[in-house]
């Protein structure tokens, strides 16, 4: 299942990145970039879930507040991950504004996949 999700995110990611003005030297560097981002974003999702669970246990937060905290934490962790991966991979160049757009699109894709999994 993890391999299938990685393939889907990689194919969708290349399309999103091309649309956002992402510059790269080869498809190999893009695939490596997306796979490393995807693998490094898995712990970010878990950390976000843990922190939201702590907030929920310590105080009575509404569903809207839970979603807002999830959005803020997940996008913060994701921007950090994408920035670090962009810094270390040589054949890739993505501006900070495009990093934020990429993270927002990735967050929406993540929410959509969660909704699909929960509806089954």
PDB file of N, CA and C in Angstrom:
ATOM      1  N   UNK A   1       0.821  -1.187   0.000  1.00  0.00           N
ATOM      2  CA  UNK A   1       0.000   0.000   0.000  1.00  0.00           C
ATOM      3  C   UNK A   1       0.871   1.259   0.000  1.00  0.00           C
ATOM      4  N   UNK A   2       1.946   1.235   0.778  1.00  0.00           N
ATOM      5  CA  UNK A   2       2.844   2.383   0.855  1.00  0.00           C
ATOM      6  C   UNK A   2       3.506   2.653  -0.492  1.00  0.00           C
ATOM      7  N   UNK A   3       3.892   1.605  -1.190  1.00  0.00           N
ATOM      8  CA  UNK A   3       4.523   1.761  -2.502  1.00  0.00           C
ATOM      9  C   UNK A   3       3.525   2.351  -3.497  1.00  0.00           C
ATOM     10  N   UNK A   4       2.281   1.876  -3.452  1.00  0.00           N
ATOM     11  CA  UNK A   4       1.243   2.387  -4.344  1.00  0.00           C
ATOM     12  C   UNK A   4       1.002   3.875  -4.090  1.00  0.00           C
ATOM     13  N   UNK A   5       0.908   4.275  -2.810  1.00  0.00           N
ATOM     14  CA  UNK A   5       0.713   5.685  -2.482  1.00  0.00           C
ATOM     15  C   UNK A   5       1.893   6.530  -2.952  1.00  0.00           C
ATOM     16  N   UNK A   6       3.103   6.001  -2.799  1.00  0.00           N
ATOM     17  CA  UNK A   6       4.293   6.728  -3.233  1.00  0.00           C
ATOM     18  C   UNK A   6       4.264   6.960  -4.737  1.00  0.00           C
ATOM     19  N   UNK A   7       3.857   5.957  -5.495  1.00  0.00           N
ATOM     20  CA  UNK A   7       3.775   6.095  -6.955  1.00  0.00           C
ATOM     21  C   UNK A   7       2.731   7.144  -7.336  1.00  0.00           C
ATOM     22  N   UNK A   8       1.571   7.099  -6.696  1.00  0.00           N
ATOM     23  CA  UNK A   8       0.512   8.075  -6.985  1.00  0.00           C
ATOM     24  C   UNK A   8       0.979   9.489  -6.656  1.00  0.00           C
ATOM     25  N   UNK A   9       1.569   9.665  -5.464  1.00  0.00           N
ATOM     26  CA  UNK A   9       2.047  10.995  -5.072  1.00  0.00           C
ATOM     27  C   UNK A   9       3.164  11.484  -5.988  1.00  0.00           C
ATOM     28  N   UNK A  10       4.001  10.585  -6.461  1.00  0.00           N
ATOM     29  CA  UNK A  10       5.091  10.979  -7.356  1.00  0.00           C
ATOM     30  C   UNK A  10       4.543  11.459  -8.691  1.00  0.00           C
ATOM     31  N   UNK A  11       3.619  10.718  -9.263  1.00  0.00           N
ATOM     32  CA  UNK A  11       3.035  11.107 -10.553  1.00  0.00           C
ATOM     33  C   UNK A  11       2.258  12.415 -10.412  1.00  0.00           C
ATOM     34  N   UNK A  12       1.438  12.516  -9.362  1.00  0.00           N
ATOM     35  CA  UNK A  12       0.680  13.747  -9.140  1.00  0.00           C
ATOM     36  C   UNK A  12       1.613  14.904  -8.804  1.00  0.00           C
ATOM     37  N   UNK A  13       2.668  14.620  -8.061  1.00  0.00           N
ATOM     38  CA  UNK A  13       3.618  15.655  -7.667  1.00  0.00           C
ATOM     39  C   UNK A  13       4.350  16.263  -8.837  1.00  0.00           C
ATOM     40  N   UNK A  14       4.736  15.447  -9.810  1.00  0.00           N
ATOM     41  CA  UNK A  14       5.426  15.975 -10.993  1.00  0.00           C
ATOM     42  C   UNK A  14       4.506  16.937 -11.743  1.00  0.00           C
ATOM     43  N   UNK A  15       3.233  16.592 -11.855  1.00  0.00           N
ATOM     44  CA  UNK A  15       2.280  17.488 -12.513  1.00  0.00           C
ATOM     45  C   UNK A  15       2.094  18.786 -11.753  1.00  0.00           C
ATOM     46  N   UNK A  16       1.950  18.698 -10.426  1.00  0.00           N
ATOM     47  CA  UNK A  16       1.812  19.902  -9.609  1.00  0.00           C
ATOM     48  C   UNK A  16       3.058  20.767  -9.698  1.00  0.00           C
ATOM     49  N   UNK A  17       4.217  20.146  -9.615  1.00  0.00           N
ATOM     50  CA  UNK A  17       5.463  20.901  -9.611  1.00  0.00           C
ATOM     51  C   UNK A  17       5.706  21.602 -10.937  1.00  0.00           C
ATOM     52  N   UNK A  18       5.386  20.948 -12.039  1.00  0.00           N
ATOM     53  CA  UNK A  18       5.545  21.590 -13.345  1.00  0.00           C
ATOM     54  C   UNK A  18       4.636  22.808 -13.448  1.00  0.00           C
ATOM     55  N   UNK A  19       3.444  22.696 -12.913  1.00  0.00           N
ATOM     56  CA  UNK A  19       2.489  23.799 -12.917  1.00  0.00           C
ATOM     57  C   UNK A  19       2.981  24.963 -12.061  1.00  0.00           C
ATOM     58  N   UNK A  20       3.702  24.669 -10.986  1.00  0.00           N
ATOM     59  CA  UNK A  20       4.151  25.700 -10.050  1.00  0.00           C
ATOM     60  C   UNK A  20       5.458  26.380 -10.449  1.00  0.00           C
ATOM     61  N   UNK A  21       6.050  26.010 -11.554  1.00  0.00           N
ATOM     62  CA  UNK A  21       7.296  26.627 -11.970  1.00  0.00           C
ATOM     63  C   UNK A  21       8.522  25.992 -11.354  1.00  0.00           C
ATOM     64  N   UNK A  22       8.405  24.765 -10.993  1.00  0.00           N
ATOM     65  CA  UNK A  22       9.485  23.981 -10.403  1.00  0.00           C
ATOM     66  C   UNK A  22      10.499  23.660 -11.496  1.00  0.00           C
ATOM     67  N   UNK A  23      11.781  23.933 -11.251  1.00  0.00           N
ATOM     68  CA  UNK A  23      12.804  23.631 -12.253  1.00  0.00           C
ATOM     69  C   UNK A  23      13.658  22.466 -11.777  1.00  0.00           C
ATOM     70  N   UNK A  24      13.977  21.597 -12.711  1.00  0.00           N
ATOM     71  CA  UNK A  24      14.749  20.402 -12.383  1.00  0.00           C
ATOM     72  C   UNK A  24      15.597  20.008 -13.575  1.00  0.00           C
ATOM     73  N   UNK A  25      16.657  19.247 -13.279  1.00  0.00           N
ATOM     74  CA  UNK A  25      17.577  18.806 -14.330  1.00  0.00           C
ATOM     75  C   UNK A  25      17.115  17.522 -15.006  1.00  0.00           C
ATOM     76  N   UNK A  26      16.548  16.601 -14.228  1.00  0.00           N
ATOM     77  CA  UNK A  26      16.113  15.320 -14.789  1.00  0.00           C
ATOM     78  C   UNK A  26      14.917  14.795 -14.003  1.00  0.00           C
ATOM     79  N   UNK A  27      14.196  13.874 -14.633  1.00  0.00           N
ATOM     80  CA  UNK A  27      13.074  13.248 -13.946  1.00  0.00           C
ATOM     81  C   UNK A  27      13.544  12.425 -12.758  1.00  0.00           C
ATOM     82  N   UNK A  28      14.748  11.900 -12.849  1.00  0.00           N
ATOM     83  CA  UNK A  28      15.297  11.106 -11.749  1.00  0.00           C
ATOM     84  C   UNK A  28      15.411  11.948 -10.480  1.00  0.00           C
ATOM     85  N   UNK A  29      15.890  13.178 -10.606  1.00  0.00           N
ATOM     86  CA  UNK A  29      16.012  14.035  -9.426  1.00  0.00           C
ATOM     87  C   UNK A  29      14.641  14.414  -8.870  1.00  0.00           C
ATOM     88  N   UNK A  30      13.648  14.581  -9.738  1.00  0.00           N
ATOM     89  CA  UNK A  30      12.290  14.882  -9.281  1.00  0.00           C
ATOM     90  C   UNK A  30      11.709  13.695  -8.525  1.00  0.00           C
ATOM     91  N   UNK A  31      11.887  12.504  -9.069  1.00  0.00           N
ATOM     92  CA  UNK A  31      11.368  11.302  -8.411  1.00  0.00           C
ATOM     93  C   UNK A  31      12.041  11.105  -7.059  1.00  0.00           C
ATOM     94  N   UNK A  32      13.350  11.301  -7.006  1.00  0.00           N
ATOM     95  CA  UNK A  32      14.062  11.187  -5.727  1.00  0.00           C
ATOM     96  C   UNK A  32      13.553  12.243  -4.749  1.00  0.00           C
ATOM     97  N   UNK A  33      13.373  13.472  -5.224  1.00  0.00           N
ATOM     98  CA  UNK A  33      12.855  14.554  -4.386  1.00  0.00           C
ATOM     99  C   UNK A  33      11.497  14.193  -3.799  1.00  0.00           C
ATOM    100  N   UNK A  34      10.577  13.738  -4.648  1.00  0.00           N
ATOM    101  CA  UNK A  34       9.226  13.428  -4.185  1.00  0.00           C
ATOM    102  C   UNK A  34       9.199  12.225  -3.253  1.00  0.00           C
ATOM    103  N   UNK A  35       9.999  11.211  -3.542  1.00  0.00           N
ATOM    104  CA  UNK A  35      10.028  10.030  -2.675  1.00  0.00           C
ATOM    105  C   UNK A  35      10.598  10.389  -1.305  1.00  0.00           C
ATOM    106  N   UNK A  36      11.688  11.160  -1.288  1.00  0.00           N
ATOM    107  CA  UNK A  36      12.268  11.559  -0.002  1.00  0.00           C
ATOM    108  C   UNK A  36      11.293  12.442   0.773  1.00  0.00           C
ATOM    109  N   UNK A  37      10.635  13.374   0.085  1.00  0.00           N
ATOM    110  CA  UNK A  37       9.636  14.217   0.754  1.00  0.00           C
ATOM    111  C   UNK A  37       8.512  13.366   1.328  1.00  0.00           C
ATOM    112  N   UNK A  38       8.015  12.429   0.537  1.00  0.00           N
ATOM    113  CA  UNK A  38       6.917  11.584   0.999  1.00  0.00           C
ATOM    114  C   UNK A  38       7.330  10.769   2.224  1.00  0.00           C
ATOM    115  N   UNK A  39       8.506  10.193   2.181  1.00  0.00           N
ATOM    116  CA  UNK A  39       8.975   9.381   3.308  1.00  0.00           C
ATOM    117  C   UNK A  39       9.192  10.244   4.546  1.00  0.00           C
ATOM    118  N   UNK A  40       9.733  11.445   4.355  1.00  0.00           N
ATOM    119  CA  UNK A  40       9.980  12.317   5.503  1.00  0.00           C
ATOM    120  C   UNK A  40       8.700  12.969   6.025  1.00  0.00           C
ATOM    121  N   UNK A  41       7.654  13.036   5.205  1.00  0.00           N
ATOM    122  CA  UNK A  41       6.397  13.625   5.657  1.00  0.00           C
ATOM    123  C   UNK A  41       5.543  12.642   6.451  1.00  0.00           C
ATOM    124  N   UNK A  42       5.842  11.361   6.377  1.00  0.00           N
ATOM    125  CA  UNK A  42       5.095  10.379   7.169  1.00  0.00           C
ATOM    126  C   UNK A  42       5.249  10.663   8.662  1.00  0.00           C
ATOM    127  N   UNK A  43       6.481  10.876   9.177  1.00  0.00           N
ATOM    128  CA  UNK A  43       6.595  11.230  10.600  1.00  0.00           C
ATOM    129  C   UNK A  43       5.931  12.566  10.935  1.00  0.00           C
ATOM    130  N   UNK A  44       5.933  13.515  10.004  1.00  0.00           N
ATOM    131  CA  UNK A  44       5.275  14.798  10.256  1.00  0.00           C
ATOM    132  C   UNK A  44       3.786  14.592  10.502  1.00  0.00           C
ATOM    133  N   UNK A  45       3.180  13.682   9.765  1.00  0.00           N
ATOM    134  CA  UNK A  45       1.769  13.368   9.960  1.00  0.00           C
ATOM    135  C   UNK A  45       1.540  12.761  11.341  1.00  0.00           C
ATOM    136  N   UNK A  46       2.419  11.863  11.759  1.00  0.00           N
ATOM    137  CA  UNK A  46       2.287  11.252  13.082  1.00  0.00           C
ATOM    138  C   UNK A  46       2.505  12.268  14.194  1.00  0.00           C
ATOM    139  N   UNK A  47       3.510  13.140  14.060  1.00  0.00           N
ATOM    140  CA  UNK A  47       3.751  14.173  15.075  1.00  0.00           C
ATOM    141  C   UNK A  47       2.550  15.105  15.189  1.00  0.00           C
ATOM    142  N   UNK A  48       1.977  15.458  14.071  1.00  0.00           N
ATOM    143  CA  UNK A  48       0.795  16.308  14.078  1.00  0.00           C
ATOM    144  C   UNK A  48      -0.354  15.621  14.799  1.00  0.00           C
ATOM    145  N   UNK A  49      -0.568  14.347  14.515  1.00  0.00           N
ATOM    146  CA  UNK A  49      -1.642  13.599  15.174  1.00  0.00           C
ATOM    147  C   UNK A  49      -1.412  13.511  16.677  1.00  0.00           C
ATOM    148  N   UNK A  50      -0.170  13.284  17.077  1.00  0.00           N
ATOM    149  CA  UNK A  50       0.153  13.195  18.504  1.00  0.00           C
ATOM    150  C   UNK A  50      -0.089  14.532  19.195  1.00  0.00           C
ATOM    151  N   UNK A  51       0.371  15.618  18.581  1.00  0.00           N
ATOM    152  CA  UNK A  51       0.179  16.934  19.189  1.00  0.00           C
ATOM    153  C   UNK A  51      -1.297  17.310  19.273  1.00  0.00           C
ATOM    154  N   UNK A  52      -2.075  16.971  18.264  1.00  0.00           N
ATOM    155  CA  UNK A  52      -3.513  17.253  18.312  1.00  0.00           C
ATOM    156  C   UNK A  52      -4.170  16.423  19.404  1.00  0.00           C
ATOM    157  N   UNK A  53      -3.739  15.161  19.546  1.00  0.00           N
ATOM    158  CA  UNK A  53      -4.253  14.331  20.629  1.00  0.00           C
ATOM    159  C   UNK A  53      -3.943  14.918  21.993  1.00  0.00           C
ATOM    160  N   UNK A  54      -2.745  15.478  22.149  1.00  0.00           N
ATOM    161  CA  UNK A  54      -2.387  16.128  23.414  1.00  0.00           C
ATOM    162  C   UNK A  54      -3.238  17.367  23.661  1.00  0.00           C
ATOM    163  N   UNK A  55      -3.435  18.184  22.624  1.00  0.00           N
ATOM    164  CA  UNK A  55      -4.292  19.361  22.770  1.00  0.00           C
ATOM    165  C   UNK A  55      -5.714  18.953  23.137  1.00  0.00           C
ATOM    166  N   UNK A  56      -6.194  17.906  22.511  1.00  0.00           N
ATOM    167  CA  UNK A  56      -7.557  17.442  22.757  1.00  0.00           C
ATOM    168  C   UNK A  56      -7.710  16.892  24.173  1.00  0.00           C
ATOM    169  N   UNK A  57      -6.675  16.203  24.663  1.00  0.00           N
ATOM    170  CA  UNK A  57      -6.731  15.635  26.009  1.00  0.00           C
ATOM    171  C   UNK A  57      -6.625  16.718  27.086  1.00  0.00           C
ATOM    172  N   UNK A  58      -5.829  17.740  26.839  1.00  0.00           N
ATOM    173  CA  UNK A  58      -5.607  18.790  27.843  1.00  0.00           C
ATOM    174  C   UNK A  58      -6.715  19.834  27.868  1.00  0.00           C
ATOM    175  N   UNK A  59      -7.320  20.095  26.743  1.00  0.00           N
ATOM    176  CA  UNK A  59      -8.385  21.097  26.695  1.00  0.00           C
ATOM    177  C   UNK A  59      -9.466  20.620  25.735  1.00  0.00           C
ATOM    178  N   UNK A  60     -10.633  21.140  25.946  1.00  0.00           N
ATOM    179  CA  UNK A  60     -11.763  20.756  25.109  1.00  0.00           C
ATOM    180  C   UNK A  60     -11.765  21.642  23.863  1.00  0.00           C
ATOM    181  N   UNK A  61     -11.238  21.125  22.758  1.00  0.00           N
ATOM    182  CA  UNK A  61     -11.205  21.902  21.520  1.00  0.00           C
ATOM    183  C   UNK A  61     -12.270  21.377  20.561  1.00  0.00           C
ATOM    184  N   UNK A  62     -12.801  22.289  19.781  1.00  0.00           N
ATOM    185  CA  UNK A  62     -13.840  21.915  18.823  1.00  0.00           C
ATOM    186  C   UNK A  62     -13.219  21.240  17.606  1.00  0.00           C
ATOM    187  N   UNK A  63     -14.073  20.699  16.769  1.00  0.00           N
ATOM    188  CA  UNK A  63     -13.610  20.040  15.543  1.00  0.00           C
ATOM    189  C   UNK A  63     -12.920  21.049  14.615  1.00  0.00           C
ATOM    190  N   UNK A  64     -13.469  22.264  14.559  1.00  0.00           N
ATOM    191  CA  UNK A  64     -12.860  23.308  13.733  1.00  0.00           C
ATOM    192  C   UNK A  64     -11.468  23.667  14.248  1.00  0.00           C
ATOM    193  N   UNK A  65     -11.333  23.825  15.569  1.00  0.00           N
ATOM    194  CA  UNK A  65     -10.026  24.130  16.151  1.00  0.00           C
ATOM    195  C   UNK A  65      -9.043  22.993  15.901  1.00  0.00           C
ATOM    196  N   UNK A  66      -9.541  21.766  15.968  1.00  0.00           N
ATOM    197  CA  UNK A  66      -8.693  20.604  15.696  1.00  0.00           C
ATOM    198  C   UNK A  66      -8.184  20.641  14.257  1.00  0.00           C
ATOM    199  N   UNK A  67      -9.053  20.950  13.312  1.00  0.00           N
ATOM    200  CA  UNK A  67      -8.648  21.041  11.901  1.00  0.00           C
ATOM    201  C   UNK A  67      -7.669  22.201  11.681  1.00  0.00           C
ATOM    202  N   UNK A  68      -7.919  23.330  12.351  1.00  0.00           N
ATOM    203  CA  UNK A  68      -7.029  24.486  12.196  1.00  0.00           C
ATOM    204  C   UNK A  68      -5.637  24.180  12.744  1.00  0.00           C
ATOM    205  N   UNK A  69      -5.568  23.553  13.908  1.00  0.00           N
ATOM    206  CA  UNK A  69      -4.274  23.183  14.489  1.00  0.00           C
ATOM    207  C   UNK A  69      -3.584  22.159  13.601  1.00  0.00           C
ATOM    208  N   UNK A  70      -4.344  21.203  13.078  1.00  0.00           N
ATOM    209  CA  UNK A  70      -3.782  20.203  12.166  1.00  0.00           C
ATOM    210  C   UNK A  70      -3.184  20.880  10.935  1.00  0.00           C
ATOM    211  N   UNK A  71      -3.915  21.824  10.366  1.00  0.00           N
ATOM    212  CA  UNK A  71      -3.433  22.539   9.182  1.00  0.00           C
ATOM    213  C   UNK A  71      -2.146  23.304   9.481  1.00  0.00           C
ATOM    214  N   UNK A  72      -2.129  24.039  10.581  1.00  0.00           N
ATOM    215  CA  UNK A  72      -0.957  24.849  10.928  1.00  0.00           C
ATOM    216  C   UNK A  72       0.256  23.967  11.198  1.00  0.00           C
ATOM    217  N   UNK A  73       0.075  22.926  12.004  1.00  0.00           N
ATOM    218  CA  UNK A  73       1.207  22.056  12.337  1.00  0.00           C
ATOM    219  C   UNK A  73       1.700  21.283  11.116  1.00  0.00           C
ATOM    220  N   UNK A  74       0.778  20.710  10.355  1.00  0.00           N
ATOM    221  CA  UNK A  74       1.178  19.897   9.208  1.00  0.00           C
ATOM    222  C   UNK A  74       1.877  20.738   8.147  1.00  0.00           C
ATOM    223  N   UNK A  75       1.336  21.917   7.860  1.00  0.00           N
ATOM    224  CA  UNK A  75       1.985  22.750   6.851  1.00  0.00           C
ATOM    225  C   UNK A  75       3.335  23.269   7.337  1.00  0.00           C
ATOM    226  N   UNK A  76       3.456  23.538   8.629  1.00  0.00           N
ATOM    227  CA  UNK A  76       4.755  23.977   9.166  1.00  0.00           C
ATOM    228  C   UNK A  76       5.800  22.884   9.030  1.00  0.00           C
ATOM    229  N   UNK A  77       5.456  21.666   9.483  1.00  0.00           N
ATOM    230  CA  UNK A  77       6.387  20.542   9.352  1.00  0.00           C
ATOM    231  C   UNK A  77       6.708  20.275   7.881  1.00  0.00           C
ATOM    232  N   UNK A  78       5.693  20.348   7.035  1.00  0.00           N
ATOM    233  CA  UNK A  78       5.887  20.053   5.617  1.00  0.00           C
ATOM    234  C   UNK A  78       6.773  21.088   4.938  1.00  0.00           C
ATOM    235  N   UNK A  79       6.582  22.364   5.257  1.00  0.00           N
ATOM    236  CA  UNK A  79       7.447  23.407   4.685  1.00  0.00           C
ATOM    237  C   UNK A  79       8.888  23.188   5.102  1.00  0.00           C
ATOM    238  N   UNK A  80       9.090  22.802   6.343  1.00  0.00           N
ATOM    239  CA  UNK A  80      10.443  22.519   6.821  1.00  0.00           C
ATOM    240  C   UNK A  80      11.055  21.349   6.053  1.00  0.00           C
ATOM    241  N   UNK A  81      10.293  20.277   5.887  1.00  0.00           N
ATOM    242  CA  UNK A  81      10.789  19.093   5.175  1.00  0.00           C
ATOM    243  C   UNK A  81      11.101  19.422   3.716  1.00  0.00           C
ATOM    244  N   UNK A  82      10.185  20.086   3.031  1.00  0.00           N
ATOM    245  CA  UNK A  82      10.396  20.410   1.616  1.00  0.00           C
ATOM    246  C   UNK A  82      11.595  21.342   1.455  1.00  0.00           C
ATOM    247  N   UNK A  83      11.737  22.300   2.345  1.00  0.00           N
ATOM    248  CA  UNK A  83      12.884  23.200   2.284  1.00  0.00           C
ATOM    249  C   UNK A  83      14.206  22.485   2.483  1.00  0.00           C
ATOM    250  N   UNK A  84      14.243  21.562   3.447  1.00  0.00           N
ATOM    251  CA  UNK A  84      15.476  20.808   3.709  1.00  0.00           C
ATOM    252  C   UNK A  84      15.810  19.899   2.532  1.00  0.00           C
ATOM    253  N   UNK A  85      14.821  19.199   2.004  1.00  0.00           N
ATOM    254  CA  UNK A  85      15.068  18.298   0.871  1.00  0.00           C
ATOM    255  C   UNK A  85      15.491  19.102  -0.356  1.00  0.00           C
ATOM    256  N   UNK A  86      14.856  20.244  -0.589  1.00  0.00           N
ATOM    257  CA  UNK A  86      15.240  21.108  -1.707  1.00  0.00           C
ATOM    258  C   UNK A  86      16.677  21.595  -1.552  1.00  0.00           C
ATOM    259  N   UNK A  87      17.086  21.890  -0.343  1.00  0.00           N
ATOM    260  CA  UNK A  87      18.446  22.366  -0.090  1.00  0.00           C
ATOM    261  C   UNK A  87      19.483  21.294  -0.406  1.00  0.00           C
ATOM    262  N   UNK A  88      19.191  20.039  -0.069  1.00  0.00           N
ATOM    263  CA  UNK A  88      20.188  18.986  -0.207  1.00  0.00           C
ATOM    264  C   UNK A  88      20.202  18.299  -1.571  1.00  0.00           C
ATOM    265  N   UNK A  89      19.143  18.398  -2.347  1.00  0.00           N
ATOM    266  CA  UNK A  89      19.134  17.775  -3.670  1.00  0.00           C
ATOM    267  C   UNK A  89      19.572  18.817  -4.691  1.00  0.00           C
ATOM    268  N   UNK A  90      20.598  18.480  -5.443  1.00  0.00           N
ATOM    269  CA  UNK A  90      21.260  19.444  -6.318  1.00  0.00           C
ATOM    270  C   UNK A  90      20.487  19.804  -7.586  1.00  0.00           C
ATOM    271  N   UNK A  91      19.821  18.882  -8.232  1.00  0.00           N
ATOM    272  CA  UNK A  91      19.217  19.139  -9.530  1.00  0.00           C
ATOM    273  C   UNK A  91      17.841  19.757  -9.458  1.00  0.00           C
ATOM    274  N   UNK A  92      17.480  20.324  -8.317  1.00  0.00           N
ATOM    275  CA  UNK A  92      16.128  20.809  -8.087  1.00  0.00           C
ATOM    276  C   UNK A  92      16.183  22.262  -7.619  1.00  0.00           C
ATOM    277  N   UNK A  93      15.238  23.050  -8.080  1.00  0.00           N
ATOM    278  CA  UNK A  93      15.127  24.431  -7.617  1.00  0.00           C
ATOM    279  C   UNK A  93      13.650  24.774  -7.478  1.00  0.00           C
ATOM    280  N   UNK A  94      13.254  25.125  -6.267  1.00  0.00           N
ATOM    281  CA  UNK A  94      11.869  25.508  -6.011  1.00  0.00           C
ATOM    282  C   UNK A  94      11.888  26.726  -5.089  1.00  0.00           C
ATOM    283  N   UNK A  95      11.171  27.767  -5.475  1.00  0.00           N
ATOM    284  CA  UNK A  95      11.163  29.005  -4.694  1.00  0.00           C
ATOM    285  C   UNK A  95      10.333  28.813  -3.423  1.00  0.00           C
ATOM    286  N   UNK A  96      10.557  29.655  -2.408  1.00  0.00           N
ATOM    287  CA  UNK A  96       9.780  29.526  -1.163  1.00  0.00           C
ATOM    288  C   UNK A  96       8.270  29.652  -1.373  1.00  0.00           C
ATOM    289  N   UNK A  97       7.850  30.543  -2.253  1.00  0.00           N
ATOM    290  CA  UNK A  97       6.411  30.678  -2.520  1.00  0.00           C
ATOM    291  C   UNK A  97       5.859  29.399  -3.143  1.00  0.00           C
ATOM    292  N   UNK A  98       6.609  28.808  -4.054  1.00  0.00           N
ATOM    293  CA  UNK A  98       6.175  27.554  -4.669  1.00  0.00           C
ATOM    294  C   UNK A  98       6.240  26.396  -3.682  1.00  0.00           C
ATOM    295  N   UNK A  99       7.163  26.446  -2.722  1.00  0.00           N
ATOM    296  CA  UNK A  99       7.196  25.425  -1.674  1.00  0.00           C
ATOM    297  C   UNK A  99       5.902  25.457  -0.875  1.00  0.00           C
ATOM    298  N   UNK A 100       5.447  26.655  -0.537  1.00  0.00           N
ATOM    299  CA  UNK A 100       4.206  26.788   0.230  1.00  0.00           C
ATOM    300  C   UNK A 100       3.023  26.285  -0.584  1.00  0.00           C
ATOM    301  N   UNK A 101       2.965  26.644  -1.868  1.00  0.00           N
ATOM    302  CA  UNK A 101       1.883  26.140  -2.723  1.00  0.00           C
ATOM    303  C   UNK A 101       1.922  24.621  -2.837  1.00  0.00           C
ATOM    304  N   UNK A 102       3.120  24.059  -2.975  1.00  0.00           N
ATOM    305  CA  UNK A 102       3.274  22.610  -3.051  1.00  0.00           C
ATOM    306  C   UNK A 102       2.776  21.952  -1.766  1.00  0.00           C
ATOM    307  N   UNK A 103       3.125  22.530  -0.629  1.00  0.00           N
ATOM    308  CA  UNK A 103       2.697  21.974   0.657  1.00  0.00           C
ATOM    309  C   UNK A 103       1.181  22.070   0.803  1.00  0.00           C
ATOM    310  N   UNK A 104       0.589  23.180   0.385  1.00  0.00           N
ATOM    311  CA  UNK A 104      -0.864  23.316   0.466  1.00  0.00           C
ATOM    312  C   UNK A 104      -1.570  22.297  -0.426  1.00  0.00           C
ATOM    313  N   UNK A 105      -1.067  22.116  -1.639  1.00  0.00           N
ATOM    314  CA  UNK A 105      -1.655  21.108  -2.528  1.00  0.00           C
ATOM    315  C   UNK A 105      -1.463  19.704  -1.969  1.00  0.00           C
ATOM    316  N   UNK A 106      -0.304  19.452  -1.386  1.00  0.00           N
ATOM    317  CA  UNK A 106      -0.037  18.151  -0.782  1.00  0.00           C
ATOM    318  C   UNK A 106      -0.966  17.918   0.410  1.00  0.00           C
ATOM    319  N   UNK A 107      -1.219  18.958   1.196  1.00  0.00           N
ATOM    320  CA  UNK A 107      -2.132  18.845   2.338  1.00  0.00           C
ATOM    321  C   UNK A 107      -3.543  18.516   1.856  1.00  0.00           C
ATOM    322  N   UNK A 108      -3.991  19.202   0.815  1.00  0.00           N
ATOM    323  CA  UNK A 108      -5.323  18.916   0.271  1.00  0.00           C
ATOM    324  C   UNK A 108      -5.414  17.493  -0.264  1.00  0.00           C
ATOM    325  N   UNK A 109      -4.359  17.027  -0.920  1.00  0.00           N
ATOM    326  CA  UNK A 109      -4.326  15.652  -1.413  1.00  0.00           C
ATOM    327  C   UNK A 109      -4.350  14.663  -0.250  1.00  0.00           C
ATOM    328  N   UNK A 110      -3.651  14.990   0.823  1.00  0.00           N
ATOM    329  CA  UNK A 110      -3.629  14.140   2.016  1.00  0.00           C
ATOM    330  C   UNK A 110      -5.016  14.075   2.667  1.00  0.00           C
ATOM    331  N   UNK A 111      -5.684  15.213   2.797  1.00  0.00           N
ATOM    332  CA  UNK A 111      -7.029  15.254   3.376  1.00  0.00           C
ATOM    333  C   UNK A 111      -7.997  14.458   2.504  1.00  0.00           C
ATOM    334  N   UNK A 112      -7.897  14.617   1.198  1.00  0.00           N
ATOM    335  CA  UNK A 112      -8.768  13.893   0.273  1.00  0.00           C
ATOM    336  C   UNK A 112      -8.563  12.387   0.400  1.00  0.00           C
ATOM    337  N   UNK A 113      -7.306  11.951   0.483  1.00  0.00           N
ATOM    338  CA  UNK A 113      -7.053  10.511   0.620  1.00  0.00           C
ATOM    339  C   UNK A 113      -7.539   9.996   1.972  1.00  0.00           C
ATOM    340  N   UNK A 114      -7.438  10.813   3.031  1.00  0.00           N
ATOM    341  CA  UNK A 114      -7.963  10.413   4.336  1.00  0.00           C
ATOM    342  C   UNK A 114      -9.479  10.262   4.294  1.00  0.00           C
ATOM    343  N   UNK A 115     -10.156  11.184   3.621  1.00  0.00           N
ATOM    344  CA  UNK A 115     -11.613  11.116   3.502  1.00  0.00           C
ATOM    345  C   UNK A 115     -12.016   9.868   2.725  1.00  0.00           C
ATOM    346  N   UNK A 116     -11.289   9.553   1.659  1.00  0.00           N
ATOM    347  CA  UNK A 116     -11.594   8.345   0.886  1.00  0.00           C
ATOM    348  C   UNK A 116     -11.404   7.084   1.724  1.00  0.00           C
ATOM    349  N   UNK A 117     -10.340   7.041   2.515  1.00  0.00           N
ATOM    350  CA  UNK A 117     -10.091   5.865   3.347  1.00  0.00           C
ATOM    351  C   UNK A 117     -11.118   5.727   4.459  1.00  0.00           C
ATOM    352  N   UNK A 118     -11.550   6.845   5.041  1.00  0.00           N
ATOM    353  CA  UNK A 118     -12.524   6.793   6.128  1.00  0.00           C
ATOM    354  C   UNK A 118     -13.930   6.491   5.632  1.00  0.00           C
ATOM    355  N   UNK A 119     -14.219   6.794   4.372  1.00  0.00           N
ATOM    356  CA  UNK A 119     -15.558   6.543   3.839  1.00  0.00           C
ATOM    357  C   UNK A 119     -15.795   5.070   3.521  1.00  0.00           C
ATOM    358  N   UNK A 120     -14.725   4.279   3.462  1.00  0.00           N
ATOM    359  CA  UNK A 120     -14.886   2.857   3.132  1.00  0.00           C
ATOM    360  C   UNK A 120     -15.258   2.047   4.334  1.00  0.00           C
TER     361      UNK A 120
END
